[in-house]
Amino acid sequence: MGAREMTLEEIRKNGIEALYRTLGPVGMVRFLQQFETGHGDYSSSRREILGEQGIEELAAEIRKEEP
């Protein structure tokens, strides 16, 4: 059965089983921990850090830093 014929739940279940078989329980958990959703608001944080600079202003800053 191909992935196109499986439901999302079946794909998820088969993926977890494959990770478990291949990596073992600890490796499976370590692999899955890489994909935490995180927290916060990236767009707000980015604006706080970079301000409302456009691409030209950012490019000019980068050029200033080049040796």
C-alpha atoms as a PDB file:
ATOM      1  CA  MET A   1       0.000   0.000   0.000  1.00  0.00           C
ATOM      2  CA  GLY A   2       1.506   3.345  -1.061  1.00  0.00           C
ATOM      3  CA  ALA A   3       1.442   6.518   0.987  1.00  0.00           C
ATOM      4  CA  ARG A   4      -1.207   8.000  -1.312  1.00  0.00           C
ATOM      5  CA  GLU A   5      -3.571   5.187  -0.341  1.00  0.00           C
ATOM      6  CA  MET A   6      -3.037   5.539   3.423  1.00  0.00           C
ATOM      7  CA  THR A   7      -4.789   7.909   5.780  1.00  0.00           C
ATOM      8  CA  LEU A   8      -2.678  10.451   7.652  1.00  0.00           C
ATOM      9  CA  GLU A   9      -3.140   8.376  10.812  1.00  0.00           C
ATOM     10  CA  GLU A  10      -1.812   5.265   9.050  1.00  0.00           C
ATOM     11  CA  ILE A  11       1.184   7.199   7.724  1.00  0.00           C
ATOM     12  CA  ARG A  12       1.889   8.551  11.214  1.00  0.00           C
ATOM     13  CA  LYS A  13       1.576   5.078  12.792  1.00  0.00           C
ATOM     14  CA  ASN A  14       3.802   3.428  10.181  1.00  0.00           C
ATOM     15  CA  GLY A  15       6.377   6.203  10.488  1.00  0.00           C
ATOM     16  CA  ILE A  16       6.559   5.836  14.277  1.00  0.00           C
ATOM     17  CA  GLU A  17       6.906   2.056  13.928  1.00  0.00           C
ATOM     18  CA  ALA A  18       9.706   2.459  11.361  1.00  0.00           C
ATOM     19  CA  LEU A  19      11.558   4.902  13.618  1.00  0.00           C
ATOM     20  CA  TYR A  20      11.164   2.526  16.573  1.00  0.00           C
ATOM     21  CA  ARG A  21      12.445  -0.467  14.581  1.00  0.00           C
ATOM     22  CA  THR A  22      15.378   1.450  13.122  1.00  0.00           C
ATOM     23  CA  LEU A  23      16.459   3.691  15.999  1.00  0.00           C
ATOM     24  CA  GLY A  24      15.076   1.956  19.076  1.00  0.00           C
ATOM     25  CA  PRO A  25      12.919   3.704  21.662  1.00  0.00           C
ATOM     26  CA  VAL A  26      15.518   6.258  22.817  1.00  0.00           C
ATOM     27  CA  GLY A  27      16.628   7.137  19.284  1.00  0.00           C
ATOM     28  CA  MET A  28      13.010   7.483  18.177  1.00  0.00           C
ATOM     29  CA  VAL A  29      12.271   9.942  20.985  1.00  0.00           C
ATOM     30  CA  ARG A  30      15.452  11.930  20.293  1.00  0.00           C
ATOM     31  CA  PHE A  31      14.526  12.132  16.611  1.00  0.00           C
ATOM     32  CA  LEU A  32      10.986  13.304  17.344  1.00  0.00           C
ATOM     33  CA  GLN A  33      12.213  15.944  19.808  1.00  0.00           C
ATOM     34  CA  GLN A  34      13.871  17.752  16.919  1.00  0.00           C
ATOM     35  CA  PHE A  35      10.465  18.761  15.606  1.00  0.00           C
ATOM     36  CA  GLU A  36       8.963  20.568  18.573  1.00  0.00           C
ATOM     37  CA  THR A  37       6.752  23.423  17.481  1.00  0.00           C
ATOM     38  CA  GLY A  38       8.414  25.960  19.759  1.00  0.00           C
ATOM     39  CA  HIS A  39       6.689  29.020  21.122  1.00  0.00           C
ATOM     40  CA  GLY A  40       6.389  32.741  20.669  1.00  0.00           C
ATOM     41  CA  ASP A  41       5.645  34.924  17.685  1.00  0.00           C
ATOM     42  CA  TYR A  42       8.485  34.855  15.158  1.00  0.00           C
ATOM     43  CA  SER A  43       7.178  37.858  13.212  1.00  0.00           C
ATOM     44  CA  SER A  44       6.992  40.090  16.292  1.00  0.00           C
ATOM     45  CA  SER A  45      10.417  38.984  17.502  1.00  0.00           C
ATOM     46  CA  ARG A  46      11.919  39.587  14.072  1.00  0.00           C
ATOM     47  CA  ARG A  47      10.481  43.112  13.928  1.00  0.00           C
ATOM     48  CA  GLU A  48      11.884  43.849  17.402  1.00  0.00           C
ATOM     49  CA  ILE A  49      15.344  42.676  16.359  1.00  0.00           C
ATOM     50  CA  LEU A  50      15.505  43.990  12.785  1.00  0.00           C
ATOM     51  CA  GLY A  51      12.982  46.803  12.849  1.00  0.00           C
ATOM     52  CA  GLU A  52      11.144  47.587   9.650  1.00  0.00           C
ATOM     53  CA  GLN A  53      14.203  47.471   7.400  1.00  0.00           C
ATOM     54  CA  GLY A  54      13.669  46.568   3.802  1.00  0.00           C
ATOM     55  CA  ILE A  55      15.848  44.261   1.748  1.00  0.00           C
ATOM     56  CA  GLU A  56      18.000  47.128   0.456  1.00  0.00           C
ATOM     57  CA  GLU A  57      18.854  48.323   3.969  1.00  0.00           C
ATOM     58  CA  LEU A  58      19.715  44.784   5.081  1.00  0.00           C
ATOM     59  CA  ALA A  59      21.876  44.217   2.002  1.00  0.00           C
ATOM     60  CA  ALA A  60      23.720  47.502   2.649  1.00  0.00           C
ATOM     61  CA  GLU A  61      24.442  46.434   6.244  1.00  0.00           C
ATOM     62  CA  ILE A  62      25.812  43.101   5.036  1.00  0.00           C
ATOM     63  CA  ARG A  63      28.044  44.825   2.480  1.00  0.00           C
ATOM     64  CA  LYS A  64      29.455  47.079   5.235  1.00  0.00           C
ATOM     65  CA  GLU A  65      30.464  44.003   7.247  1.00  0.00           C
ATOM     66  CA  GLU A  66      32.251  42.274   4.366  1.00  0.00           C
ATOM     67  CA  PRO A  67      36.080  42.430   4.527  1.00  0.00           C
END
